[in-house]
């Protein structure tokens, strides 16, 4: 989803406005755009938000400072196939499978709370 943070200032700034993400200057790329309108609005546009965009965003303009927080919520991942207990003999190989609603979700298999290789 697209997000636009909008800040209205009381005059056109003489210097370039700077946006920060968690106190680090934001780097403009294909996904991030800064828009400055004639009616004194300065906007930060994030075209496709991801969970990585969860942050505090700050705008600095000529001794003025404003900030906003973006809280990105992702859709819950669900099992699409039920998991079953399996019994095997010691030393025998086993293949474990699970199917998720988001196939690219990283998973970690564990035994006795320890990750399996």
PDB file of N, CA and C in Angstrom:
ATOM      1  N   UNK A   1       0.824  -1.190   0.000  1.00  0.00           N
ATOM      2  CA  UNK A   1       0.000   0.000   0.000  1.00  0.00           C
ATOM      3  C   UNK A   1       0.860   1.242   0.000  1.00  0.00           C
ATOM      4  N   UNK A   2       0.300   2.296  -0.537  1.00  0.00           N
ATOM      5  CA  UNK A   2       0.993   3.575  -0.591  1.00  0.00           C
ATOM      6  C   UNK A   2       0.694   4.388   0.666  1.00  0.00           C
ATOM      7  N   UNK A   3       1.713   5.098   1.146  1.00  0.00           N
ATOM      8  CA  UNK A   3       1.561   5.979   2.308  1.00  0.00           C
ATOM      9  C   UNK A   3       2.087   7.353   1.928  1.00  0.00           C
ATOM     10  N   UNK A   4       1.348   8.390   2.311  1.00  0.00           N
ATOM     11  CA  UNK A   4       1.815   9.759   2.102  1.00  0.00           C
ATOM     12  C   UNK A   4       1.782  10.477   3.447  1.00  0.00           C
ATOM     13  N   UNK A   5       2.953  10.954   3.878  1.00  0.00           N
ATOM     14  CA  UNK A   5       3.041  11.803   5.070  1.00  0.00           C
ATOM     15  C   UNK A   5       3.036  13.240   4.574  1.00  0.00           C
ATOM     16  N   UNK A   6       2.140  14.056   5.099  1.00  0.00           N
ATOM     17  CA  UNK A   6       1.972  15.421   4.619  1.00  0.00           C
ATOM     18  C   UNK A   6       2.236  16.394   5.757  1.00  0.00           C
ATOM     19  N   UNK A   7       3.076  17.379   5.470  1.00  0.00           N
ATOM     20  CA  UNK A   7       3.384  18.407   6.463  1.00  0.00           C
ATOM     21  C   UNK A   7       3.173  19.767   5.802  1.00  0.00           C
ATOM     22  N   UNK A   8       2.395  20.624   6.439  1.00  0.00           N
ATOM     23  CA  UNK A   8       2.182  21.967   5.912  1.00  0.00           C
ATOM     24  C   UNK A   8       3.002  22.944   6.739  1.00  0.00           C
ATOM     25  N   UNK A   9       3.787  23.765   6.041  1.00  0.00           N
ATOM     26  CA  UNK A   9       4.605  24.783   6.709  1.00  0.00           C
ATOM     27  C   UNK A   9       3.981  26.149   6.441  1.00  0.00           C
ATOM     28  N   UNK A  10       4.354  27.147   7.249  1.00  0.00           N
ATOM     29  CA  UNK A  10       3.700  28.452   7.126  1.00  0.00           C
ATOM     30  C   UNK A  10       4.288  29.336   6.026  1.00  0.00           C
ATOM     31  N   UNK A  11       5.349  28.867   5.362  1.00  0.00           N
ATOM     32  CA  UNK A  11       5.922  29.617   4.239  1.00  0.00           C
ATOM     33  C   UNK A  11       6.742  28.658   3.376  1.00  0.00           C
ATOM     34  N   UNK A  12       7.016  29.068   2.161  1.00  0.00           N
ATOM     35  CA  UNK A  12       7.859  28.255   1.289  1.00  0.00           C
ATOM     36  C   UNK A  12       9.284  28.255   1.847  1.00  0.00           C
ATOM     37  N   UNK A  13       9.851  27.085   2.080  1.00  0.00           N
ATOM     38  CA  UNK A  13      11.217  27.047   2.616  1.00  0.00           C
ATOM     39  C   UNK A  13      12.239  27.510   1.580  1.00  0.00           C
ATOM     40  N   UNK A  14      13.281  28.187   2.068  1.00  0.00           N
ATOM     41  CA  UNK A  14      14.360  28.645   1.187  1.00  0.00           C
ATOM     42  C   UNK A  14      15.393  27.547   0.981  1.00  0.00           C
ATOM     43  N   UNK A  15      15.437  26.610   1.915  1.00  0.00           N
ATOM     44  CA  UNK A  15      16.379  25.497   1.799  1.00  0.00           C
ATOM     45  C   UNK A  15      15.618  24.213   1.501  1.00  0.00           C
ATOM     46  N   UNK A  16      16.356  23.228   1.061  1.00  0.00           N
ATOM     47  CA  UNK A  16      15.758  21.941   0.706  1.00  0.00           C
ATOM     48  C   UNK A  16      15.265  21.224   1.972  1.00  0.00           C
ATOM     49  N   UNK A  17      14.006  20.771   1.976  1.00  0.00           N
ATOM     50  CA  UNK A  17      13.522  19.988   3.121  1.00  0.00           C
ATOM     51  C   UNK A  17      14.202  18.623   3.165  1.00  0.00           C
ATOM     52  N   UNK A  18      14.436  18.122   4.363  1.00  0.00           N
ATOM     53  CA  UNK A  18      15.099  16.830   4.523  1.00  0.00           C
ATOM     54  C   UNK A  18      14.240  15.929   5.397  1.00  0.00           C
ATOM     55  N   UNK A  19      13.956  14.729   4.901  1.00  0.00           N
ATOM     56  CA  UNK A  19      13.219  13.723   5.673  1.00  0.00           C
ATOM     57  C   UNK A  19      14.213  12.750   6.283  1.00  0.00           C
ATOM     58  N   UNK A  20      13.913  12.303   7.501  1.00  0.00           N
ATOM     59  CA  UNK A  20      14.740  11.332   8.206  1.00  0.00           C
ATOM     60  C   UNK A  20      13.879  10.137   8.592  1.00  0.00           C
ATOM     61  N   UNK A  21      14.503   8.982   8.588  1.00  0.00           N
ATOM     62  CA  UNK A  21      13.856   7.743   9.040  1.00  0.00           C
ATOM     63  C   UNK A  21      14.663   7.241  10.224  1.00  0.00           C
ATOM     64  N   UNK A  22      14.039   7.209  11.410  1.00  0.00           N
ATOM     65  CA  UNK A  22      14.753   6.830  12.638  1.00  0.00           C
ATOM     66  C   UNK A  22      16.060   7.604  12.780  1.00  0.00           C
ATOM     67  N   UNK A  23      15.983   8.914  12.562  1.00  0.00           N
ATOM     68  CA  UNK A  23      17.088   9.864  12.739  1.00  0.00           C
ATOM     69  C   UNK A  23      18.204   9.743  11.706  1.00  0.00           C
ATOM     70  N   UNK A  24      18.016   8.940  10.652  1.00  0.00           N
ATOM     71  CA  UNK A  24      18.997   8.854   9.563  1.00  0.00           C
ATOM     72  C   UNK A  24      18.371   9.461   8.318  1.00  0.00           C
ATOM     73  N   UNK A  25      19.163  10.274   7.600  1.00  0.00           N
ATOM     74  CA  UNK A  25      18.614  10.926   6.412  1.00  0.00           C
ATOM     75  C   UNK A  25      18.078   9.887   5.434  1.00  0.00           C
ATOM     76  N   UNK A  26      16.879  10.144   4.955  1.00  0.00           N
ATOM     77  CA  UNK A  26      16.198   9.216   4.059  1.00  0.00           C
ATOM     78  C   UNK A  26      16.812   9.304   2.668  1.00  0.00           C
ATOM     79  N   UNK A  27      17.102   8.166   2.086  1.00  0.00           N
ATOM     80  CA  UNK A  27      17.667   8.108   0.743  1.00  0.00           C
ATOM     81  C   UNK A  27      16.526   7.910  -0.246  1.00  0.00           C
ATOM     82  N   UNK A  28      16.436   8.811  -1.215  1.00  0.00           N
ATOM     83  CA  UNK A  28      15.381   8.738  -2.223  1.00  0.00           C
ATOM     84  C   UNK A  28      15.708   7.606  -3.192  1.00  0.00           C
ATOM     85  N   UNK A  29      14.683   6.806  -3.517  1.00  0.00           N
ATOM     86  CA  UNK A  29      14.846   5.727  -4.493  1.00  0.00           C
ATOM     87  C   UNK A  29      13.548   5.583  -5.277  1.00  0.00           C
ATOM     88  N   UNK A  30      13.410   4.503  -6.035  1.00  0.00           N
ATOM     89  CA  UNK A  30      12.205   4.308  -6.854  1.00  0.00           C
ATOM     90  C   UNK A  30      10.943   4.191  -6.012  1.00  0.00           C
ATOM     91  N   UNK A  31      11.082   3.827  -4.756  1.00  0.00           N
ATOM     92  CA  UNK A  31       9.930   3.614  -3.886  1.00  0.00           C
ATOM     93  C   UNK A  31       9.581   4.842  -3.038  1.00  0.00           C
ATOM     94  N   UNK A  32      10.518   5.788  -2.936  1.00  0.00           N
ATOM     95  CA  UNK A  32      10.342   6.945  -2.050  1.00  0.00           C
ATOM     96  C   UNK A  32      10.458   8.234  -2.850  1.00  0.00           C
ATOM     97  N   UNK A  33       9.497   9.125  -2.642  1.00  0.00           N
ATOM     98  CA  UNK A  33       9.482  10.399  -3.357  1.00  0.00           C
ATOM     99  C   UNK A  33       9.170  11.522  -2.372  1.00  0.00           C
ATOM    100  N   UNK A  34       9.845  12.660  -2.541  1.00  0.00           N
ATOM    101  CA  UNK A  34       9.541  13.855  -1.755  1.00  0.00           C
ATOM    102  C   UNK A  34       8.871  14.851  -2.689  1.00  0.00           C
ATOM    103  N   UNK A  35       7.705  15.338  -2.264  1.00  0.00           N
ATOM    104  CA  UNK A  35       6.913  16.253  -3.085  1.00  0.00           C
ATOM    105  C   UNK A  35       6.763  17.562  -2.322  1.00  0.00           C
ATOM    106  N   UNK A  36       7.052  18.672  -3.012  1.00  0.00           N
ATOM    107  CA  UNK A  36       6.891  19.992  -2.409  1.00  0.00           C
ATOM    108  C   UNK A  36       5.889  20.759  -3.270  1.00  0.00           C
ATOM    109  N   UNK A  37       4.766  21.170  -2.676  1.00  0.00           N
ATOM    110  CA  UNK A  37       3.715  21.840  -3.434  1.00  0.00           C
ATOM    111  C   UNK A  37       3.799  23.354  -3.263  1.00  0.00           C
ATOM    112  N   UNK A  38       3.120  24.074  -4.146  1.00  0.00           N
ATOM    113  CA  UNK A  38       3.125  25.537  -4.087  1.00  0.00           C
ATOM    114  C   UNK A  38       2.344  26.081  -2.893  1.00  0.00           C
ATOM    115  N   UNK A  39       1.437  25.273  -2.341  1.00  0.00           N
ATOM    116  CA  UNK A  39       0.658  25.734  -1.188  1.00  0.00           C
ATOM    117  C   UNK A  39       1.284  25.308   0.145  1.00  0.00           C
ATOM    118  N   UNK A  40       2.616  25.221   0.153  1.00  0.00           N
ATOM    119  CA  UNK A  40       3.419  24.992   1.364  1.00  0.00           C
ATOM    120  C   UNK A  40       3.241  23.616   1.998  1.00  0.00           C
ATOM    121  N   UNK A  41       2.970  22.609   1.206  1.00  0.00           N
ATOM    122  CA  UNK A  41       2.921  21.238   1.704  1.00  0.00           C
ATOM    123  C   UNK A  41       4.200  20.520   1.275  1.00  0.00           C
ATOM    124  N   UNK A  42       4.759  19.760   2.203  1.00  0.00           N
ATOM    125  CA  UNK A  42       5.915  18.919   1.905  1.00  0.00           C
ATOM    126  C   UNK A  42       5.496  17.499   2.246  1.00  0.00           C
ATOM    127  N   UNK A  43       5.579  16.621   1.258  1.00  0.00           N
ATOM    128  CA  UNK A  43       5.076  15.261   1.433  1.00  0.00           C
ATOM    129  C   UNK A  43       6.188  14.240   1.232  1.00  0.00           C
ATOM    130  N   UNK A  44       6.072  13.179   1.997  1.00  0.00           N
ATOM    131  CA  UNK A  44       6.912  12.003   1.803  1.00  0.00           C
ATOM    132  C   UNK A  44       5.982  10.902   1.309  1.00  0.00           C
ATOM    133  N   UNK A  45       6.281  10.374   0.132  1.00  0.00           N
ATOM    134  CA  UNK A  45       5.436   9.338  -0.471  1.00  0.00           C
ATOM    135  C   UNK A  45       6.221   8.031  -0.529  1.00  0.00           C
ATOM    136  N   UNK A  46       5.681   6.997   0.117  1.00  0.00           N
ATOM    137  CA  UNK A  46       6.257   5.652   0.049  1.00  0.00           C
ATOM    138  C   UNK A  46       5.283   4.828  -0.779  1.00  0.00           C
ATOM    139  N   UNK A  47       5.729   4.417  -1.965  1.00  0.00           N
ATOM    140  CA  UNK A  47       4.814   3.783  -2.920  1.00  0.00           C
ATOM    141  C   UNK A  47       4.334   2.404  -2.472  1.00  0.00           C
ATOM    142  N   UNK A  48       5.235   1.558  -2.066  1.00  0.00           N
ATOM    143  CA  UNK A  48       4.864   0.204  -1.635  1.00  0.00           C
ATOM    144  C   UNK A  48       5.451  -0.030  -0.251  1.00  0.00           C
ATOM    145  N   UNK A  49       4.612   0.064   0.761  1.00  0.00           N
ATOM    146  CA  UNK A  49       5.118  -0.120   2.117  1.00  0.00           C
ATOM    147  C   UNK A  49       5.370  -1.595   2.397  1.00  0.00           C
ATOM    148  N   UNK A  50       6.352  -1.821   3.234  1.00  0.00           N
ATOM    149  CA  UNK A  50       6.650  -3.168   3.716  1.00  0.00           C
ATOM    150  C   UNK A  50       6.864  -3.068   5.218  1.00  0.00           C
ATOM    151  N   UNK A  51       7.027  -4.192   5.850  1.00  0.00           N
ATOM    152  CA  UNK A  51       7.246  -4.214   7.294  1.00  0.00           C
ATOM    153  C   UNK A  51       8.515  -3.434   7.663  1.00  0.00           C
ATOM    154  N   UNK A  52       9.476  -3.325   6.728  1.00  0.00           N
ATOM    155  CA  UNK A  52      10.714  -2.580   6.970  1.00  0.00           C
ATOM    156  C   UNK A  52      10.490  -1.072   7.078  1.00  0.00           C
ATOM    157  N   UNK A  53       9.330  -0.582   6.645  1.00  0.00           N
ATOM    158  CA  UNK A  53       9.037   0.847   6.706  1.00  0.00           C
ATOM    159  C   UNK A  53       8.509   1.284   8.071  1.00  0.00           C
ATOM    160  N   UNK A  54       8.345   0.357   8.990  1.00  0.00           N
ATOM    161  CA  UNK A  54       7.912   0.657  10.358  1.00  0.00           C
ATOM    162  C   UNK A  54       9.005   1.518  10.996  1.00  0.00           C
ATOM    163  N   UNK A  55       8.709   2.806  11.234  1.00  0.00           N
ATOM    164  CA  UNK A  55       9.749   3.709  11.735  1.00  0.00           C
ATOM    165  C   UNK A  55       9.146   5.046  12.133  1.00  0.00           C
ATOM    166  N   UNK A  56       9.995   5.887  12.742  1.00  0.00           N
ATOM    167  CA  UNK A  56       9.626   7.275  12.987  1.00  0.00           C
ATOM    168  C   UNK A  56      10.224   8.112  11.865  1.00  0.00           C
ATOM    169  N   UNK A  57       9.405   8.941  11.247  1.00  0.00           N
ATOM    170  CA  UNK A  57       9.836   9.799  10.151  1.00  0.00           C
ATOM    171  C   UNK A  57       9.803  11.243  10.620  1.00  0.00           C
ATOM    172  N   UNK A  58      10.870  11.977  10.306  1.00  0.00           N
ATOM    173  CA  UNK A  58      11.006  13.355  10.748  1.00  0.00           C
ATOM    174  C   UNK A  58      11.314  14.239   9.551  1.00  0.00           C
ATOM    175  N   UNK A  59      10.706  15.420   9.530  1.00  0.00           N
ATOM    176  CA  UNK A  59      10.965  16.403   8.483  1.00  0.00           C
ATOM    177  C   UNK A  59      11.677  17.595   9.103  1.00  0.00           C
ATOM    178  N   UNK A  60      12.810  17.979   8.527  1.00  0.00           N
ATOM    179  CA  UNK A  60      13.535  19.181   8.942  1.00  0.00           C
ATOM    180  C   UNK A  60      13.464  20.205   7.814  1.00  0.00           C
ATOM    181  N   UNK A  61      13.013  21.415   8.154  1.00  0.00           N
ATOM    182  CA  UNK A  61      12.944  22.511   7.188  1.00  0.00           C
ATOM    183  C   UNK A  61      13.305  23.793   7.915  1.00  0.00           C
ATOM    184  N   UNK A  62      14.428  24.422   7.571  1.00  0.00           N
ATOM    185  CA  UNK A  62      14.801  25.738   8.113  1.00  0.00           C
ATOM    186  C   UNK A  62      14.431  25.949   9.581  1.00  0.00           C
ATOM    187  N   UNK A  63      15.020  25.265  10.454  1.00  0.00           N
ATOM    188  CA  UNK A  63      14.770  25.404  11.891  1.00  0.00           C
ATOM    189  C   UNK A  63      13.393  24.909  12.328  1.00  0.00           C
ATOM    190  N   UNK A  64      12.648  24.295  11.447  1.00  0.00           N
ATOM    191  CA  UNK A  64      11.359  23.703  11.799  1.00  0.00           C
ATOM    192  C   UNK A  64      11.525  22.196  11.782  1.00  0.00           C
ATOM    193  N   UNK A  65      10.792  21.540  12.644  1.00  0.00           N
ATOM    194  CA  UNK A  65      10.917  20.086  12.713  1.00  0.00           C
ATOM    195  C   UNK A  65       9.553  19.497  13.045  1.00  0.00           C
ATOM    196  N   UNK A  66       9.179  18.467  12.317  1.00  0.00           N
ATOM    197  CA  UNK A  66       7.943  17.749  12.592  1.00  0.00           C
ATOM    198  C   UNK A  66       8.206  16.265  12.434  1.00  0.00           C
ATOM    199  N   UNK A  67       7.403  15.430  13.071  1.00  0.00           N
ATOM    200  CA  UNK A  67       7.635  13.998  12.930  1.00  0.00           C
ATOM    201  C   UNK A  67       6.321  13.227  12.969  1.00  0.00           C
ATOM    202  N   UNK A  68       6.394  12.017  12.422  1.00  0.00           N
ATOM    203  CA  UNK A  68       5.248  11.100  12.414  1.00  0.00           C
ATOM    204  C   UNK A  68       5.796   9.691  12.513  1.00  0.00           C
ATOM    205  N   UNK A  69       4.956   8.788  12.977  1.00  0.00           N
ATOM    206  CA  UNK A  69       5.364   7.396  13.123  1.00  0.00           C
ATOM    207  C   UNK A  69       4.508   6.544  12.205  1.00  0.00           C
ATOM    208  N   UNK A  70       5.144   5.667  11.439  1.00  0.00           N
ATOM    209  CA  UNK A  70       4.408   4.731  10.589  1.00  0.00           C
ATOM    210  C   UNK A  70       4.491   3.356  11.227  1.00  0.00           C
ATOM    211  N   UNK A  71       3.345   2.787  11.488  1.00  0.00           N
ATOM    212  CA  UNK A  71       3.251   1.437  12.039  1.00  0.00           C
ATOM    213  C   UNK A  71       2.710   0.544  10.927  1.00  0.00           C
ATOM    214  N   UNK A  72       3.558  -0.307  10.372  1.00  0.00           N
ATOM    215  CA  UNK A  72       3.172  -1.162   9.252  1.00  0.00           C
ATOM    216  C   UNK A  72       2.725  -2.512   9.793  1.00  0.00           C
ATOM    217  N   UNK A  73       1.513  -2.878   9.466  1.00  0.00           N
ATOM    218  CA  UNK A  73       0.966  -4.164   9.887  1.00  0.00           C
ATOM    219  C   UNK A  73       0.946  -5.098   8.688  1.00  0.00           C
ATOM    220  N   UNK A  74       1.385  -6.306   8.881  1.00  0.00           N
ATOM    221  CA  UNK A  74       1.356  -7.266   7.776  1.00  0.00           C
ATOM    222  C   UNK A  74       0.207  -8.237   7.987  1.00  0.00           C
ATOM    223  N   UNK A  75      -0.207  -8.853   6.893  1.00  0.00           N
ATOM    224  CA  UNK A  75      -1.232  -9.885   7.003  1.00  0.00           C
ATOM    225  C   UNK A  75      -0.647 -11.061   7.769  1.00  0.00           C
ATOM    226  N   UNK A  76      -1.477 -11.684   8.592  1.00  0.00           N
ATOM    227  CA  UNK A  76      -1.007 -12.839   9.365  1.00  0.00           C
ATOM    228  C   UNK A  76      -0.712 -14.013   8.450  1.00  0.00           C
ATOM    229  N   UNK A  77       0.335 -14.710   8.770  1.00  0.00           N
ATOM    230  CA  UNK A  77       0.670 -15.938   8.047  1.00  0.00           C
ATOM    231  C   UNK A  77      -0.072 -17.083   8.720  1.00  0.00           C
ATOM    232  N   UNK A  78      -0.679 -17.941   7.911  1.00  0.00           N
ATOM    233  CA  UNK A  78      -1.431 -19.075   8.447  1.00  0.00           C
ATOM    234  C   UNK A  78      -0.915 -20.363   7.823  1.00  0.00           C
ATOM    235  N   UNK A  79      -1.056 -21.446   8.553  1.00  0.00           N
ATOM    236  CA  UNK A  79      -0.803 -22.765   7.981  1.00  0.00           C
ATOM    237  C   UNK A  79      -1.986 -23.099   7.078  1.00  0.00           C
ATOM    238  N   UNK A  80      -1.700 -23.535   5.858  1.00  0.00           N
ATOM    239  CA  UNK A  80      -2.790 -23.923   4.950  1.00  0.00           C
ATOM    240  C   UNK A  80      -2.956 -25.435   4.904  1.00  0.00           C
ATOM    241  N   UNK A  81      -2.080 -26.133   5.591  1.00  0.00           N
ATOM    242  CA  UNK A  81      -2.165 -27.594   5.694  1.00  0.00           C
ATOM    243  C   UNK A  81      -1.906 -27.951   7.148  1.00  0.00           C
ATOM    244  N   UNK A  82      -2.735 -28.799   7.706  1.00  0.00           N
ATOM    245  CA  UNK A  82      -2.606 -29.165   9.115  1.00  0.00           C
ATOM    246  C   UNK A  82      -1.315 -29.954   9.348  1.00  0.00           C
ATOM    247  N   UNK A  83      -0.663 -29.683  10.482  1.00  0.00           N
ATOM    248  CA  UNK A  83       0.539 -30.425  10.874  1.00  0.00           C
ATOM    249  C   UNK A  83       0.136 -31.608  11.745  1.00  0.00           C
ATOM    250  N   UNK A  84       0.856 -32.722  11.582  1.00  0.00           N
ATOM    251  CA  UNK A  84       0.565 -33.938  12.352  1.00  0.00           C
ATOM    252  C   UNK A  84       1.819 -34.405  13.073  1.00  0.00           C
ATOM    253  N   UNK A  85       1.631 -35.042  14.232  1.00  0.00           N
ATOM    254  CA  UNK A  85       2.748 -35.679  14.927  1.00  0.00           C
ATOM    255  C   UNK A  85       3.236 -36.849  14.083  1.00  0.00           C
ATOM    256  N   UNK A  86       4.553 -37.079  14.101  1.00  0.00           N
ATOM    257  CA  UNK A  86       5.143 -38.174  13.334  1.00  0.00           C
ATOM    258  C   UNK A  86       6.105 -38.936  14.228  1.00  0.00           C
ATOM    259  N   UNK A  87       6.080 -40.252  14.147  1.00  0.00           N
ATOM    260  CA  UNK A  87       6.993 -41.103  14.912  1.00  0.00           C
ATOM    261  C   UNK A  87       7.906 -41.812  13.915  1.00  0.00           C
ATOM    262  N   UNK A  88       9.223 -41.762  14.188  1.00  0.00           N
ATOM    263  CA  UNK A  88      10.187 -42.480  13.345  1.00  0.00           C
ATOM    264  C   UNK A  88      11.185 -43.195  14.243  1.00  0.00           C
ATOM    265  N   UNK A  89      11.899 -44.152  13.660  1.00  0.00           N
ATOM    266  CA  UNK A  89      12.957 -44.849  14.395  1.00  0.00           C
ATOM    267  C   UNK A  89      14.212 -43.992  14.393  1.00  0.00           C
ATOM    268  N   UNK A  90      14.960 -44.060  15.484  1.00  0.00           N
ATOM    269  CA  UNK A  90      16.206 -43.315  15.607  1.00  0.00           C
ATOM    270  C   UNK A  90      17.113 -43.682  14.439  1.00  0.00           C
ATOM    271  N   UNK A  91      17.689 -42.664  13.810  1.00  0.00           N
ATOM    272  CA  UNK A  91      18.616 -42.888  12.706  1.00  0.00           C
ATOM    273  C   UNK A  91      17.954 -42.850  11.338  1.00  0.00           C
ATOM    274  N   UNK A  92      16.640 -42.982  11.286  1.00  0.00           N
ATOM    275  CA  UNK A  92      15.944 -42.928   9.998  1.00  0.00           C
ATOM    276  C   UNK A  92      15.724 -41.472   9.586  1.00  0.00           C
ATOM    277  N   UNK A  93      15.800 -41.207   8.290  1.00  0.00           N
ATOM    278  CA  UNK A  93      15.556 -39.833   7.825  1.00  0.00           C
ATOM    279  C   UNK A  93      14.060 -39.506   7.861  1.00  0.00           C
ATOM    280  N   UNK A  94      13.776 -38.222   7.887  1.00  0.00           N
ATOM    281  CA  UNK A  94      12.382 -37.761   7.850  1.00  0.00           C
ATOM    282  C   UNK A  94      12.317 -36.497   6.999  1.00  0.00           C
ATOM    283  N   UNK A  95      11.229 -36.343   6.294  1.00  0.00           N
ATOM    284  CA  UNK A  95      10.980 -35.126   5.525  1.00  0.00           C
ATOM    285  C   UNK A  95       9.806 -34.408   6.186  1.00  0.00           C
ATOM    286  N   UNK A  96      10.046 -33.178   6.607  1.00  0.00           N
ATOM    287  CA  UNK A  96       9.009 -32.371   7.242  1.00  0.00           C
ATOM    288  C   UNK A  96       8.540 -31.311   6.245  1.00  0.00           C
ATOM    289  N   UNK A  97       7.232 -31.147   6.139  1.00  0.00           N
ATOM    290  CA  UNK A  97       6.677 -30.157   5.219  1.00  0.00           C
ATOM    291  C   UNK A  97       5.633 -29.313   5.930  1.00  0.00           C
ATOM    292  N   UNK A  98       5.565 -28.075   5.524  1.00  0.00           N
ATOM    293  CA  UNK A  98       4.458 -27.229   5.958  1.00  0.00           C
ATOM    294  C   UNK A  98       4.109 -26.303   4.809  1.00  0.00           C
ATOM    295  N   UNK A  99       2.855 -25.945   4.729  1.00  0.00           N
ATOM    296  CA  UNK A  99       2.396 -25.020   3.693  1.00  0.00           C
ATOM    297  C   UNK A  99       1.797 -23.811   4.387  1.00  0.00           C
ATOM    298  N   UNK A 100       2.219 -22.626   3.921  1.00  0.00           N
ATOM    299  CA  UNK A 100       1.804 -21.372   4.542  1.00  0.00           C
ATOM    300  C   UNK A 100       1.014 -20.511   3.562  1.00  0.00           C
ATOM    301  N   UNK A 101       0.219 -19.619   4.104  1.00  0.00           N
ATOM    302  CA  UNK A 101      -0.556 -18.704   3.262  1.00  0.00           C
ATOM    303  C   UNK A 101       0.343 -17.725   2.507  1.00  0.00           C
ATOM    304  N   UNK A 102       1.540 -17.497   3.010  1.00  0.00           N
ATOM    305  CA  UNK A 102       2.544 -16.681   2.315  1.00  0.00           C
ATOM    306  C   UNK A 102       3.764 -17.572   2.101  1.00  0.00           C
ATOM    307  N   UNK A 103       3.887 -18.181   0.929  1.00  0.00           N
ATOM    308  CA  UNK A 103       4.935 -19.180   0.692  1.00  0.00           C
ATOM    309  C   UNK A 103       6.364 -18.685   0.912  1.00  0.00           C
ATOM    310  N   UNK A 104       6.634 -17.386   0.755  1.00  0.00           N
ATOM    311  CA  UNK A 104       8.002 -16.875   0.910  1.00  0.00           C
ATOM    312  C   UNK A 104       8.373 -16.558   2.356  1.00  0.00           C
ATOM    313  N   UNK A 105       7.499 -16.864   3.292  1.00  0.00           N
ATOM    314  CA  UNK A 105       7.763 -16.588   4.702  1.00  0.00           C
ATOM    315  C   UNK A 105       8.881 -17.494   5.212  1.00  0.00           C
ATOM    316  N   UNK A 106       9.945 -16.912   5.792  1.00  0.00           N
ATOM    317  CA  UNK A 106      11.009 -17.757   6.340  1.00  0.00           C
ATOM    318  C   UNK A 106      10.501 -18.544   7.551  1.00  0.00           C
ATOM    319  N   UNK A 107      10.904 -19.798   7.640  1.00  0.00           N
ATOM    320  CA  UNK A 107      10.511 -20.639   8.779  1.00  0.00           C
ATOM    321  C   UNK A 107      11.747 -21.292   9.368  1.00  0.00           C
ATOM    322  N   UNK A 108      11.638 -21.705  10.613  1.00  0.00           N
ATOM    323  CA  UNK A 108      12.708 -22.437  11.284  1.00  0.00           C
ATOM    324  C   UNK A 108      12.098 -23.662  11.944  1.00  0.00           C
ATOM    325  N   UNK A 109      12.595 -24.830  11.574  1.00  0.00           N
ATOM    326  CA  UNK A 109      12.166 -26.065  12.236  1.00  0.00           C
ATOM    327  C   UNK A 109      13.005 -26.225  13.489  1.00  0.00           C
ATOM    328  N   UNK A 110      12.370 -26.641  14.588  1.00  0.00           N
ATOM    329  CA  UNK A 110      13.084 -26.813  15.854  1.00  0.00           C
ATOM    330  C   UNK A 110      12.740 -28.156  16.471  1.00  0.00           C
ATOM    331  N   UNK A 111      13.698 -28.680  17.235  1.00  0.00           N
ATOM    332  CA  UNK A 111      13.493 -29.879  18.041  1.00  0.00           C
ATOM    333  C   UNK A 111      14.004 -29.547  19.440  1.00  0.00           C
ATOM    334  N   UNK A 112      13.174 -29.750  20.452  1.00  0.00           N
ATOM    335  CA  UNK A 112      13.523 -29.368  21.826  1.00  0.00           C
ATOM    336  C   UNK A 112      13.994 -27.915  21.888  1.00  0.00           C
ATOM    337  N   UNK A 113      13.291 -27.058  21.165  1.00  0.00           N
ATOM    338  CA  UNK A 113      13.543 -25.618  21.113  1.00  0.00           C
ATOM    339  C   UNK A 113      14.891 -25.245  20.491  1.00  0.00           C
ATOM    340  N   UNK A 114      15.530 -26.184  19.800  1.00  0.00           N
ATOM    341  CA  UNK A 114      16.798 -25.924  19.123  1.00  0.00           C
ATOM    342  C   UNK A 114      16.580 -25.996  17.611  1.00  0.00           C
ATOM    343  N   UNK A 115      17.083 -25.018  16.845  1.00  0.00           N
ATOM    344  CA  UNK A 115      16.917 -25.047  15.387  1.00  0.00           C
ATOM    345  C   UNK A 115      17.569 -26.285  14.772  1.00  0.00           C
ATOM    346  N   UNK A 116      16.894 -26.860  13.782  1.00  0.00           N
ATOM    347  CA  UNK A 116      17.442 -28.004  13.052  1.00  0.00           C
ATOM    348  C   UNK A 116      18.238 -27.504  11.859  1.00  0.00           C
ATOM    349  N   UNK A 117      19.289 -28.240  11.513  1.00  0.00           N
ATOM    350  CA  UNK A 117      20.092 -27.876  10.331  1.00  0.00           C
ATOM    351  C   UNK A 117      19.425 -28.354   9.074  1.00  0.00           C
TER     352      UNK A 117
END
